[in-house]
Amino acid sequence: MSRRKLSRRQFVAATAMSSAALMAAPYIRTAHAAGKLTMGFWDHWVPGANKASTDLVNEWAEKEKVEVSIDYITSQGNKTQLTIAAEGQAKSGHDILAMPTWWPHAQADLLEPVNDIMEPLIKQNGEVNGTVQYLGKAGDKWLGVPACIGSQIKGPCSRIDLLKKHAGIDIQSMYPAGAPPQADGWTTDTFLKAAEACHKGGVAFGIGLGETTDSVDTAGAFFQAFGAQLVDAKGNLTVKTDAVRQALEFYKKLIPFLPPDVGAWDDASNNKWLVSGRGALIMNPPSAWAVAKRDAPQVAEQCWTHGFPVGPKGRFAPFLPFFWSIWSFSKNKEAAKSLLVHLSQPASIEKLVAASGGYDLPAFEKMTTLKTWAEEGPPKGTLFHYPNPYKHQILSIAASPAPPKVAQQIYSQAILTKMCQRYHQGEAMEKTLAWAEGECEGYMRS
């Protein structure tokens, strides 16, 4: 049961069963295990979603006779990151803590390895995508279990009617509900033409170029579509490459077709743009659609969530996972692992996805075709392609594949969107590249 609920996103960087049989075995209290377990979960924005996770925890606790307490920690005001940093510094706090994206790596030395439960979970639920492996492992050590709750893809949400009217694109035919994508023609060139047409029609694409995550995530996926990376997986600088130049040229063509103030957009701006009815496309998880369903149903019933356009090096989409991690100083590690196995069972995942209205995304490949995404609406099937059921795009995160501690700085300092802005505003290409290279060199030294 919840003992308290903290009040409801740029944080300055602050001071991760060994068999399938073990997965099914209950946690058994011993003289070495206290009968209590504490957890800090992400405070969900969807009404009722917290209740679903509380019910699952209580179901497990009643069966295993463990006393549990849950704190739901808001991401507003960076409370999640502040809590992680404070507990890591104090070496005291919750047994289990929800950690977004980069944070397991930032705390890797203080986290309990969970290979003994991750390996059988993968065997049971299917492989996890490459981004989860990149963010959730340090060498061979799993730093956490990928959490269904809060994990999301920030893909295109388009207005069916406006794309047809202004750009001649039938997005439902490209991404039909219940069937594989027919999206070979959905390319970065097609995307630019559609953005121009919708801009001329007065319904510009709402793509931010600010310093918060929605803007950075979108830029990351487009850079990767051109094969552009600032630092490679081995830690080598790769800024001054043709791929990076191509990505910047793409953005220079795109920016004139966007709203004039996108350089100042935050993570709420694109949501408001869609709900207001002024835009034909944004990049977002289904939260904007869900708000439109409540506040502007005439907009919601014309929304369709689908895949990114394909570029010269492939089709990429931003995936931002949460992890449930166990502190190395936890007093009840065995119980914590047992609970995380319970929360990662197919039946539990299905309940969590349903409670979030399809917003939450499990990372396991066998869990991408749940009925919630097929049935949610209006229009029915609008979320069918949100979980990437046919794996037609590569789930990624901006600044990868650089070593995570370097990538986190590139990401949090919004280097990609700053590069796009500088070049668009008239700075010479080579000067923009030199600036970015200097920034990355600094992160690599720190």
Foldseek 3Di string as FASTA:
>chain_A
DAPDEDDAELDDDDCFQLDLVRLPDAQADDPLADQEFEEEAAADPFPQLVVLLVVLLVVNCVVRVGHYYYYHFHRPVPRLVVVLSVCLNVVDDGQKYKAWFQPLVVSVVFFDFLPSQVVSLCVVQNDFAPSCCQRQDDVPGGQFAWALPPKFWQFKKFQQVLLCVQLVDRVCQQPPFPDDGVVPVQALVSVLSSQQRSLVVQAHAAAALEQEQSNLFVLQQLLVLLPHAQAALVGHGDLPDVSNVVSLVSLLSNVVSHPPPRHPDYPCVNLCSQLVVRHGMYGGFCPSLVVSVVVPVVSNLRIAGAFHHHHPNGGEIEIMTMGITGTPSNSHNSNVSSSVSSCSDLVNSLSSCVSNQNRGADRRLNNLQRCSCQQDDNVRNRRNPRNVNVVRHRHHGGNPPYNSQLSVQCSSRSLSSVLSVCVSVPDDNVVSSVVSSVSSVVSVVD
